Amino acid sequence: MSTTVHQQRHGSPEGADTWDAAAPADDGFSRVPPRDLEAEHAALGALILSGTPNHPQHRYFGDILDTGLTADEYYWPAHTTIHRAICSLREAGEPVDAITLKDELARIGELARIGGASYLHTLIQAVPTAANGERYAEIIRAKAYKRRAIEAANRVLQYAYSDEGDEHEVRDVVEQQFTEIITGIPSLQDAPPLVGDLYLDFVAELEEVQDGKRVGLTYGFADLDTLTSGMRPGNVTVIAAQSGVGKSTLALNAAVSAAKAGAKVMFSSLEMSAFELMAKIAAAEGKVALHHITHKGSLTKEGWEAVERLGPGLFRTLPLRVYRPEGAALSDILSTARACVRADGLDVLVVDYLQLVEVEQNRSTTREQAVASVSRGLKNLSTQLECHVIALSQLNDDGMMRESRAIKNDASVVIKVERPDMEEEGSPRAGEVDLVVEKNRFGPTATVTVAGQLHYSRFVDMAQT
């Protein structure tokens, strides 16, 4: 049991109902943890009765264990020990009955502690019929789940009463504890499917790939989609560039393109305000010069009309959420992403940008370790939520990821944004932007050239120019 539920139990297992329980002293109440010792007696008795192969009731043995009942879900410690001994015999291919179980418990030095061989016979006598063993197990699991809920709630109470942590850390504790409660009682882990079971689904997906249907969501650029097969759930794309090249613009273009295709998107910006993000979208989608939107008196009548058309024509139907966290904590971004999932789902999460995100660290934590922690946290989130993450990263002058090499390791796709015309005045490639796909787990690496229309705050395929 958790240390958050303080108990003193008295007597032998036969007298297990004689006990006292109390919650932490400072909450001012005393409660009895949920348990059903009769169900525990009956479940163990059913396992012992049905544990011998070729026994008429042996079919119930596997059914009871297949409910997912584990040793830790028993309330009485002796029952936990007995269940583990039963599982040990089963794993060794040995029959389970009162004799073999007694020998196993004696071998591990636990026979006296559980009440001796006579207690095993008491368990057998307690079971009405092994056929109801599944139901007994379900009762035990339900009581264990309630105890875990109480323990989680007590942990939240203790943390809230303490002086530890700030508002964000308290929220993380609450969210984690109650998420564990909501997920319910875990079942036994299923064996992964055989390749033969996967074959038909593989062929169906292969047909779609060969027919030219995208596997993932669109980035908004035809050649980039072809090269990477689009944005896939559970993966991370890193868009990296030096300051001022346009990585935020590229990411916002991709977010809007995915949302226009029906994907649910959250754009988390640590640099730009909601107004600035909306201005960029309006400029790109309405073909209105960005500086006309952001400067006093610059918006023409035609510009106003274009912006107004975007209301019903785009903004009111676009499943794109803009999040500007008050702080820069990774926990805030992760918590808000989970809130999106609960609201109506999340397909794409954009984080602008990695080096601005903060994580809890101690004095010995280096900056590289902190950024690596952010990168790993976003990768784990993409897998947990089955969404695609676009993470923006600053580049050093030498073209390396700023402050952490782990960023590239965690990514499935790495796109470096380069503008040749920034390095060469009067460049023959003026207006061209190279999307250098430096890492691609889904295909070859290559460079995709697009056109930069930064006055509209957008990049477009060369064919659209």
Protein backbone atom coordinates (compact mmCIF):
# COMPACT_ATOMS: atom_id res chain seq x y z
CA MET A 1 0.00 0.00 0.00
CA SER A 2 1.11 3.57 -0.54
CA THR A 3 2.54 5.45 2.39
CA THR A 4 -0.26 7.94 1.91
CA VAL A 5 -2.72 5.49 3.46
CA HIS A 6 -1.55 4.57 6.96
CA GLN A 7 -2.76 1.21 8.23
CA GLN A 8 -2.31 -1.06 11.20
CA ARG A 9 -3.68 -4.57 10.62
CA HIS A 10 -4.18 -6.97 13.50
CA GLY A 11 -4.29 -10.72 13.78
CA SER A 12 -3.90 -13.49 11.24
CA PRO A 13 -5.43 -13.52 7.73
CA GLU A 14 -8.49 -15.27 9.19
CA GLY A 15 -9.06 -12.19 11.32
CA ALA A 16 -8.22 -9.75 8.57
CA ASP A 17 -11.30 -7.63 9.17
CA THR A 18 -9.84 -6.38 12.45
CA TRP A 19 -7.76 -3.37 11.51
CA ASP A 20 -7.60 0.40 11.65
CA ALA A 21 -6.95 2.77 8.74
CA ALA A 22 -6.47 6.48 8.61
CA ALA A 23 -5.69 9.04 5.94
CA PRO A 24 -2.87 11.54 6.51
CA ALA A 25 -3.23 13.11 9.93
CA ASP A 26 -3.55 16.64 8.64
CA ASP A 27 -6.70 16.05 6.54
CA GLY A 28 -8.83 15.52 9.60
CA PHE A 29 -10.76 12.42 8.57
CA SER A 30 -10.48 8.67 8.85
CA ARG A 31 -11.52 6.33 6.04
CA VAL A 32 -11.41 2.59 5.41
CA PRO A 33 -9.74 1.61 2.11
CA PRO A 34 -12.08 -0.41 -0.13
CA ARG A 35 -11.45 -4.17 -0.05
CA ASP A 36 -13.33 -7.46 -0.30
CA LEU A 37 -11.47 -10.20 1.54
CA GLU A 38 -14.13 -12.80 0.73
CA ALA A 39 -13.56 -12.20 -2.98
CA GLU A 40 -9.79 -12.49 -2.42
CA HIS A 41 -10.27 -15.80 -0.55
CA ALA A 42 -12.53 -17.12 -3.31
CA ALA A 43 -10.29 -16.01 -6.20
CA LEU A 44 -7.21 -17.67 -4.70
CA GLY A 45 -9.20 -20.75 -3.81
CA ALA A 46 -10.46 -20.95 -7.40
CA LEU A 47 -6.91 -20.68 -8.71
CA ILE A 48 -5.71 -23.47 -6.41
CA LEU A 49 -8.69 -25.69 -7.30
CA SER A 50 -8.29 -25.22 -11.04
CA GLY A 51 -4.50 -25.09 -11.25
CA THR A 52 -3.83 -28.72 -12.13
CA PRO A 53 -3.79 -29.66 -15.85
CA ASN A 54 -6.38 -32.29 -16.80
CA HIS A 55 -8.48 -31.27 -13.79
CA PRO A 56 -12.19 -30.87 -14.79
CA GLN A 57 -12.09 -27.20 -13.74
CA HIS A 58 -8.66 -26.37 -15.16
CA ARG A 59 -10.18 -24.23 -17.91
CA TYR A 60 -11.09 -21.63 -15.28
CA PHE A 61 -7.47 -21.16 -14.21
CA GLY A 62 -6.44 -19.27 -17.33
CA ASP A 63 -9.72 -17.36 -17.45
CA ILE A 64 -9.09 -15.94 -13.97
CA LEU A 65 -5.55 -14.81 -14.77
CA ASP A 66 -6.62 -13.42 -18.14
CA THR A 67 -8.75 -10.84 -16.35
CA GLY A 68 -5.47 -9.05 -15.71
CA LEU A 69 -5.52 -9.72 -11.97
CA THR A 70 -2.05 -9.12 -10.52
CA ALA A 71 -0.52 -9.87 -7.14
CA ASP A 72 -0.34 -6.19 -6.21
CA GLU A 73 -4.11 -5.78 -6.52
CA TYR A 74 -4.86 -7.87 -3.43
CA TYR A 75 -5.48 -5.92 -0.25
CA TRP A 76 -4.14 -8.52 2.18
CA PRO A 77 -0.31 -8.92 1.91
CA ALA A 78 -0.45 -12.69 2.43
CA HIS A 79 -2.72 -12.95 -0.61
CA THR A 80 -0.20 -11.01 -2.67
CA THR A 81 2.48 -13.53 -1.68
CA ILE A 82 0.25 -16.52 -2.51
CA HIS A 83 -0.71 -15.14 -5.91
CA ARG A 84 2.93 -14.60 -6.81
CA ALA A 85 3.75 -18.17 -5.80
CA ILE A 86 0.90 -19.45 -7.99
CA CYS A 87 2.26 -17.46 -10.95
CA SER A 88 5.78 -18.78 -10.33
CA LEU A 89 4.53 -22.36 -10.46
CA ARG A 90 2.60 -21.62 -13.63
CA GLU A 91 5.62 -20.02 -15.34
CA ALA A 92 7.70 -23.07 -14.41
CA GLY A 93 5.11 -25.38 -15.99
CA GLU A 94 4.26 -26.96 -12.65
CA PRO A 95 0.72 -27.89 -11.54
CA VAL A 96 -0.87 -25.66 -8.90
CA ASP A 97 -2.55 -27.32 -5.94
CA ALA A 98 -2.36 -27.13 -2.14
CA ILE A 99 0.69 -29.42 -2.01
CA THR A 100 2.80 -27.80 -4.75
CA LEU A 101 1.88 -24.35 -3.51
CA LYS A 102 2.84 -25.24 0.06
CA ASP A 103 6.25 -26.47 -1.15
CA GLU A 104 6.81 -23.33 -3.23
CA LEU A 105 5.95 -21.04 -0.32
CA ALA A 106 8.23 -23.04 1.97
CA ARG A 107 11.03 -22.84 -0.59
CA ILE A 108 10.89 -19.04 -0.64
CA GLY A 109 10.51 -18.82 3.13
CA GLU A 110 6.97 -17.43 3.14
CA LEU A 111 4.83 -20.38 4.28
CA ALA A 112 4.68 -19.41 7.95
CA ARG A 113 4.05 -15.76 7.12
CA ILE A 114 0.91 -16.51 5.11
CA GLY A 115 -0.58 -18.64 7.88
CA GLY A 116 0.84 -22.08 7.07
CA ALA A 117 -0.48 -24.94 4.97
CA SER A 118 -3.80 -24.86 6.83
CA TYR A 119 -4.52 -21.40 5.42
CA LEU A 120 -4.25 -22.75 1.87
CA HIS A 121 -6.97 -25.28 2.67
CA THR A 122 -9.04 -22.46 4.18
CA LEU A 123 -8.87 -20.67 0.84
CA ILE A 124 -10.00 -23.76 -1.06
CA GLN A 125 -12.96 -24.19 1.30
CA ALA A 126 -13.91 -20.53 0.80
CA VAL A 127 -14.59 -20.80 -2.93
CA PRO A 128 -18.20 -21.67 -3.87
CA THR A 129 -17.20 -22.63 -7.42
CA ALA A 130 -14.16 -22.03 -9.58
CA ALA A 131 -16.52 -21.20 -12.45
CA ASN A 132 -17.11 -17.79 -10.84
CA GLY A 133 -13.39 -17.08 -10.52
CA GLU A 134 -13.45 -14.36 -13.21
CA ARG A 135 -16.07 -12.45 -11.26
CA TYR A 136 -14.11 -12.70 -8.04
CA ALA A 137 -11.07 -11.33 -9.84
CA GLU A 138 -13.10 -8.42 -11.25
CA ILE A 139 -14.27 -7.51 -7.74
CA ILE A 140 -10.69 -7.51 -6.47
CA ARG A 141 -9.51 -5.33 -9.35
CA ALA A 142 -12.33 -2.84 -8.84
CA LYS A 143 -11.46 -2.47 -5.16
CA ALA A 144 -7.77 -2.07 -6.02
CA TYR A 145 -8.62 0.63 -8.53
CA LYS A 146 -10.56 2.55 -5.89
CA ARG A 147 -7.61 2.29 -3.50
CA ARG A 148 -5.30 3.65 -6.18
CA ALA A 149 -7.72 6.51 -6.77
CA ILE A 150 -7.69 7.32 -3.05
CA GLU A 151 -3.89 7.17 -2.96
CA ALA A 152 -3.59 9.45 -5.99
CA ALA A 153 -6.01 11.93 -4.46
CA ASN A 154 -4.06 11.85 -1.19
CA ARG A 155 -0.82 12.52 -3.04
CA VAL A 156 -2.43 15.56 -4.62
CA LEU A 157 -3.70 16.72 -1.22
CA GLN A 158 -0.31 16.29 0.41
CA TYR A 159 1.44 18.16 -2.39
CA ALA A 160 -1.14 20.95 -2.34
CA TYR A 161 -0.78 21.36 1.45
CA SER A 162 3.01 21.43 1.22
CA ASP A 163 5.14 24.42 0.25
CA GLU A 164 6.72 22.51 -2.62
CA GLY A 165 6.45 23.66 -6.22
CA ASP A 166 4.89 26.62 -7.97
CA GLU A 167 1.51 26.81 -9.67
CA HIS A 168 2.71 25.00 -12.80
CA GLU A 169 4.32 22.15 -10.87
CA VAL A 170 1.19 21.67 -8.77
CA ARG A 171 -0.91 21.51 -11.93
CA ASP A 172 1.45 18.92 -13.42
CA VAL A 173 1.10 16.74 -10.30
CA VAL A 174 -2.69 17.03 -10.35
CA GLU A 175 -2.91 16.28 -14.07
CA GLN A 176 -0.59 13.29 -13.84
CA GLN A 177 -2.32 11.74 -10.83
CA PHE A 178 -5.83 12.13 -12.15
CA THR A 179 -4.87 11.05 -15.64
CA GLU A 180 -3.66 7.79 -14.09
CA ILE A 181 -7.01 7.43 -12.32
CA ILE A 182 -9.03 8.12 -15.47
CA THR A 183 -7.12 5.55 -17.48
CA GLY A 184 -8.66 2.89 -15.26
CA ILE A 185 -7.50 -0.58 -14.41
CA PRO A 186 -4.88 -1.82 -16.87
CA SER A 187 -5.41 -5.17 -18.47
CA LEU A 188 -2.72 -7.72 -19.24
CA GLN A 189 -0.50 -6.65 -22.07
CA ASP A 190 -1.52 -8.31 -25.30
CA ALA A 191 1.12 -10.00 -27.40
CA PRO A 192 2.00 -7.88 -30.45
CA PRO A 193 0.47 -9.01 -33.75
CA LEU A 194 2.21 -11.48 -36.02
CA VAL A 195 3.37 -10.21 -39.39
CA GLY A 196 0.76 -12.47 -40.98
CA ASP A 197 -1.95 -10.52 -39.16
CA LEU A 198 -0.47 -7.25 -40.42
CA TYR A 199 -0.16 -8.32 -44.04
CA LEU A 200 -3.60 -7.33 -45.35
CA ASP A 201 -3.42 -3.87 -43.77
CA PHE A 202 0.08 -3.49 -45.18
CA VAL A 203 -1.08 -4.33 -48.70
CA ALA A 204 -4.02 -1.90 -48.43
CA GLU A 205 -1.72 0.92 -47.31
CA LEU A 206 0.85 -0.03 -49.95
CA GLU A 207 -1.82 0.33 -52.65
CA GLU A 208 -2.59 3.84 -51.40
CA VAL A 209 1.09 4.77 -51.44
CA GLN A 210 1.58 3.40 -54.93
CA ASP A 211 -1.56 5.18 -56.15
CA GLY A 212 -0.04 8.47 -55.06
CA LYS A 213 -2.18 9.02 -51.98
CA ARG A 214 -0.30 10.76 -49.20
CA VAL A 215 0.45 8.79 -46.09
CA GLY A 216 0.71 11.89 -43.93
CA LEU A 217 -0.72 15.39 -43.72
CA THR A 218 0.46 17.96 -46.23
CA TYR A 219 3.22 20.45 -45.48
CA GLY A 220 1.69 22.60 -48.22
CA PHE A 221 4.51 21.98 -50.71
CA ALA A 222 4.09 19.29 -53.35
CA ASP A 223 7.74 18.26 -53.71
CA LEU A 224 8.28 18.19 -49.94
CA ASP A 225 5.18 16.00 -49.50
CA THR A 226 6.43 13.63 -52.19
CA LEU A 227 9.87 13.40 -50.60
CA THR A 228 8.65 12.80 -47.03
CA SER A 229 5.15 11.38 -47.62
CA GLY A 230 3.82 14.23 -45.51
CA MET A 231 3.50 14.64 -41.76
CA ARG A 232 2.86 11.36 -39.97
CA PRO A 233 1.44 10.90 -36.47
CA GLY A 234 3.96 9.99 -33.80
CA ASN A 235 6.83 11.75 -35.56
CA VAL A 236 8.71 15.03 -35.27
CA THR A 237 9.79 17.44 -38.01
CA VAL A 238 12.47 19.94 -37.07
CA ILE A 239 12.57 23.14 -39.09
CA ALA A 240 15.92 24.80 -38.48
CA ALA A 241 17.37 28.09 -39.64
CA GLN A 242 19.36 31.06 -38.51
CA SER A 243 17.45 34.05 -37.25
CA GLY A 244 15.46 36.01 -39.83
CA VAL A 245 15.46 33.37 -42.58
CA GLY A 246 11.77 32.49 -42.22
CA LYS A 247 11.43 29.28 -40.22
CA SER A 248 8.38 30.62 -38.31
CA THR A 249 6.74 31.62 -41.59
CA LEU A 250 7.37 28.17 -43.07
CA ALA A 251 5.98 26.43 -40.00
CA LEU A 252 2.89 28.65 -39.95
CA ASN A 253 2.33 28.02 -43.67
CA ALA A 254 2.52 24.27 -43.00
CA ALA A 255 0.16 24.55 -40.02
CA VAL A 256 -2.45 26.43 -42.05
CA SER A 257 -2.14 24.02 -45.00
CA ALA A 258 -2.68 21.03 -42.72
CA ALA A 259 -5.64 22.74 -41.03
CA LYS A 260 -7.20 23.60 -44.41
CA ALA A 261 -6.96 19.87 -45.20
CA GLY A 262 -8.98 19.12 -42.04
CA ALA A 263 -6.20 18.46 -39.53
CA LYS A 264 -6.60 19.79 -35.98
CA VAL A 265 -3.59 21.97 -35.31
CA MET A 266 -2.15 23.88 -32.34
CA PHE A 267 0.50 26.53 -32.98
CA SER A 268 2.41 27.40 -29.83
CA SER A 269 4.51 30.52 -30.20
CA LEU A 270 6.99 31.79 -27.65
CA GLU A 271 7.99 34.67 -29.92
CA MET A 272 4.90 36.11 -31.57
CA SER A 273 1.65 37.39 -30.10
CA ALA A 274 -1.74 36.16 -31.27
CA PHE A 275 -2.13 39.37 -33.30
CA GLU A 276 1.18 38.82 -35.07
CA LEU A 277 0.26 35.24 -35.93
CA MET A 278 -3.18 36.26 -37.18
CA ALA A 279 -1.59 39.05 -39.22
CA LYS A 280 0.77 36.58 -40.89
CA ILE A 281 -2.09 34.22 -41.74
CA ALA A 282 -4.20 37.07 -43.10
CA ALA A 283 -1.31 38.34 -45.24
CA ALA A 284 -0.55 34.88 -46.65
CA GLU A 285 -4.14 33.83 -47.30
CA GLY A 286 -5.51 37.22 -48.38
CA LYS A 287 -2.43 38.22 -50.40
CA VAL A 288 -2.20 41.43 -48.46
CA ALA A 289 1.24 42.90 -47.80
CA LEU A 290 2.17 42.17 -44.20
CA HIS A 291 3.55 45.65 -43.60
CA HIS A 292 0.21 47.12 -44.67
CA ILE A 293 -1.50 45.12 -41.93
CA THR A 294 0.98 45.95 -39.20
CA HIS A 295 1.53 49.68 -39.86
CA LYS A 296 -0.88 52.48 -39.02
CA GLY A 297 -3.06 53.68 -41.89
CA SER A 298 -1.41 51.41 -44.48
CA LEU A 299 -4.32 49.06 -45.15
CA THR A 300 -6.19 49.99 -48.32
CA LYS A 301 -9.89 49.50 -48.94
CA GLU A 302 -9.08 46.41 -50.99
CA GLY A 303 -6.90 45.13 -48.16
CA TRP A 304 -9.71 45.56 -45.64
CA GLU A 305 -12.11 43.72 -47.95
CA ALA A 306 -9.63 40.83 -48.31
CA VAL A 307 -9.24 40.56 -44.53
CA GLU A 308 -13.00 40.70 -44.00
CA ARG A 309 -13.55 37.90 -46.54
CA LEU A 310 -11.16 35.71 -44.56
CA GLY A 311 -13.50 35.76 -41.54
CA PRO A 312 -16.32 33.53 -42.86
CA GLY A 313 -14.20 32.10 -45.66
CA LEU A 314 -11.31 30.83 -43.57
CA PHE A 315 -10.89 31.77 -39.92
CA ARG A 316 -14.33 30.67 -38.69
CA THR A 317 -13.88 27.18 -40.14
CA LEU A 318 -10.14 26.59 -39.71
CA PRO A 319 -9.37 23.99 -36.98
CA LEU A 320 -6.24 25.87 -35.91
CA ARG A 321 -5.62 26.91 -32.31
CA VAL A 322 -3.09 29.61 -31.42
CA TYR A 323 -1.44 29.28 -28.03
CA ARG A 324 0.77 31.91 -26.50
CA PRO A 325 1.85 30.55 -23.09
CA GLU A 326 2.26 33.05 -20.29
CA GLY A 327 5.57 31.44 -19.44
CA ALA A 328 7.85 29.26 -21.50
CA ALA A 329 7.61 25.96 -19.60
CA LEU A 330 7.49 22.69 -21.50
CA SER A 331 4.89 21.46 -19.00
CA ASP A 332 2.52 24.26 -20.07
CA ILE A 333 2.80 23.30 -23.73
CA LEU A 334 2.32 19.58 -23.00
CA SER A 335 -0.66 20.24 -20.72
CA THR A 336 -2.32 22.47 -23.32
CA ALA A 337 -1.73 19.87 -26.04
CA ARG A 338 -3.48 17.26 -23.91
CA ALA A 339 -6.33 19.73 -23.38
CA CYS A 340 -6.69 19.99 -27.18
CA VAL A 341 -6.91 16.21 -27.41
CA ARG A 342 -9.67 16.19 -24.81
CA ALA A 343 -11.52 19.01 -26.59
CA ASP A 344 -11.66 17.74 -30.16
CA GLY A 345 -8.37 16.05 -30.99
CA LEU A 346 -4.90 17.10 -32.10
CA ASP A 347 -3.13 16.13 -35.31
CA VAL A 348 -0.29 18.65 -35.52
CA LEU A 349 1.53 20.58 -32.79
CA VAL A 350 3.92 23.39 -33.74
CA VAL A 351 6.41 24.70 -31.17
CA ASP A 352 8.19 27.95 -32.04
CA TYR A 353 10.91 27.48 -30.93
CA LEU A 354 12.87 24.82 -29.00
CA GLN A 355 15.59 26.95 -27.46
CA LEU A 356 13.02 29.23 -25.81
CA VAL A 357 11.23 26.40 -24.03
CA GLU A 358 12.15 25.95 -20.38
CA VAL A 359 12.34 22.75 -18.35
CA GLU A 360 12.89 22.16 -14.67
CA GLN A 361 16.62 21.78 -14.03
CA ASN A 362 19.08 21.77 -11.20
CA ARG A 363 22.44 23.44 -10.87
CA SER A 364 24.26 20.57 -12.51
CA THR A 365 22.03 20.57 -15.62
CA THR A 366 23.80 21.97 -18.66
CA ARG A 367 22.05 24.05 -21.29
CA GLU A 368 22.55 21.24 -23.82
CA GLN A 369 20.88 18.77 -21.46
CA ALA A 370 17.97 21.14 -20.91
CA VAL A 371 17.33 21.59 -24.65
CA ALA A 372 17.71 17.83 -25.16
CA SER A 373 15.06 17.32 -22.48
CA VAL A 374 12.67 19.59 -24.38
CA SER A 375 13.34 17.71 -27.61
CA ARG A 376 12.76 14.33 -25.95
CA GLY A 377 9.62 15.59 -24.24
CA LEU A 378 8.11 16.66 -27.56
CA LYS A 379 9.10 13.37 -29.19
CA ASN A 380 7.42 11.42 -26.38
CA LEU A 381 4.32 13.60 -26.67
CA SER A 382 4.03 12.92 -30.41
CA THR A 383 3.99 9.20 -29.65
CA GLN A 384 1.62 9.43 -26.69
CA LEU A 385 -0.92 11.65 -28.46
CA GLU A 386 -0.39 10.18 -31.93
CA CYS A 387 0.12 13.63 -33.40
CA HIS A 388 2.84 15.16 -35.57
CA VAL A 389 5.12 17.73 -33.95
CA ILE A 390 6.83 20.52 -35.86
CA ALA A 391 9.61 21.87 -33.67
CA LEU A 392 11.53 24.95 -34.72
CA SER A 393 15.21 25.30 -33.89
CA GLN A 394 17.82 27.99 -34.16
CA LEU A 395 21.03 27.21 -36.04
CA ASN A 396 24.49 28.33 -35.08
CA ASP A 397 26.62 30.20 -37.63
CA ASP A 398 28.28 26.89 -38.51
CA GLY A 399 24.92 25.35 -39.43
CA MET A 400 24.70 23.12 -36.36
CA MET A 401 21.65 22.94 -34.08
CA ARG A 402 22.03 25.50 -31.35
CA GLU A 403 22.74 24.08 -27.91
CA SER A 404 21.87 20.43 -28.51
CA ARG A 405 22.72 17.63 -30.93
CA ALA A 406 19.82 15.59 -29.53
CA ILE A 407 17.35 17.67 -31.56
CA LYS A 408 18.39 16.00 -34.81
CA ASN A 409 18.49 12.56 -33.20
CA ASP A 410 14.88 12.83 -31.98
CA ALA A 411 13.53 14.08 -35.32
CA SER A 412 12.17 11.97 -38.16
CA VAL A 413 12.61 14.80 -40.65
CA VAL A 414 15.03 17.72 -40.42
CA ILE A 415 14.52 20.65 -42.79
CA LYS A 416 17.06 23.47 -42.91
CA VAL A 417 15.78 26.69 -44.43
CA GLU A 418 18.34 28.57 -46.51
CA ARG A 419 17.99 31.76 -48.57
CA PRO A 420 20.81 32.09 -51.12
CA ASP A 421 19.90 35.69 -51.83
CA MET A 422 20.74 36.68 -48.25
CA GLU A 423 24.39 35.82 -48.78
CA GLU A 424 24.87 37.29 -52.26
CA GLU A 425 23.66 40.73 -53.26
CA GLY A 426 22.12 40.65 -56.72
CA SER A 427 21.94 36.86 -56.61
CA PRO A 428 20.51 35.20 -59.72
CA ARG A 429 18.46 33.11 -57.28
CA ALA A 430 16.70 36.10 -55.75
CA GLY A 431 13.43 35.04 -54.16
CA GLU A 432 14.34 31.36 -54.09
CA VAL A 433 14.41 29.47 -50.80
CA ASP A 434 16.02 26.05 -50.32
CA LEU A 435 14.38 23.57 -47.99
CA VAL A 436 17.31 21.26 -47.36
CA VAL A 437 15.94 17.92 -46.12
CA GLU A 438 18.97 16.85 -44.14
CA LYS A 439 17.34 13.85 -42.46
CA ASN A 440 14.40 11.81 -43.72
CA ARG A 441 13.41 8.50 -42.17
CA PHE A 442 10.82 7.97 -44.89
CA GLY A 443 12.94 8.42 -47.97
CA PRO A 444 16.02 10.07 -49.45
CA THR A 445 17.48 13.42 -48.50
CA ALA A 446 17.29 16.19 -51.06
CA THR A 447 16.81 19.91 -51.49
CA VAL A 448 13.38 21.27 -52.36
CA THR A 449 13.35 24.79 -53.77
CA VAL A 450 10.33 27.00 -53.14
CA ALA A 451 9.58 30.64 -53.80
CA GLY A 452 9.73 33.14 -50.98
CA GLN A 453 6.98 35.77 -50.92
CA LEU A 454 7.87 37.21 -47.55
CA HIS A 455 5.94 40.43 -48.18
CA TYR A 456 2.90 38.12 -47.98
CA SER A 457 4.54 36.13 -45.18
CA ARG A 458 4.51 32.92 -47.15
CA PHE A 459 6.44 30.42 -49.21
CA VAL A 460 4.86 28.75 -52.25
CA ASP A 461 5.74 26.02 -54.73
CA MET A 462 7.82 27.27 -57.64
CA ALA A 463 4.98 26.27 -59.96
CA GLN A 464 2.71 28.85 -58.29
CA THR A 465 4.98 31.79 -59.03
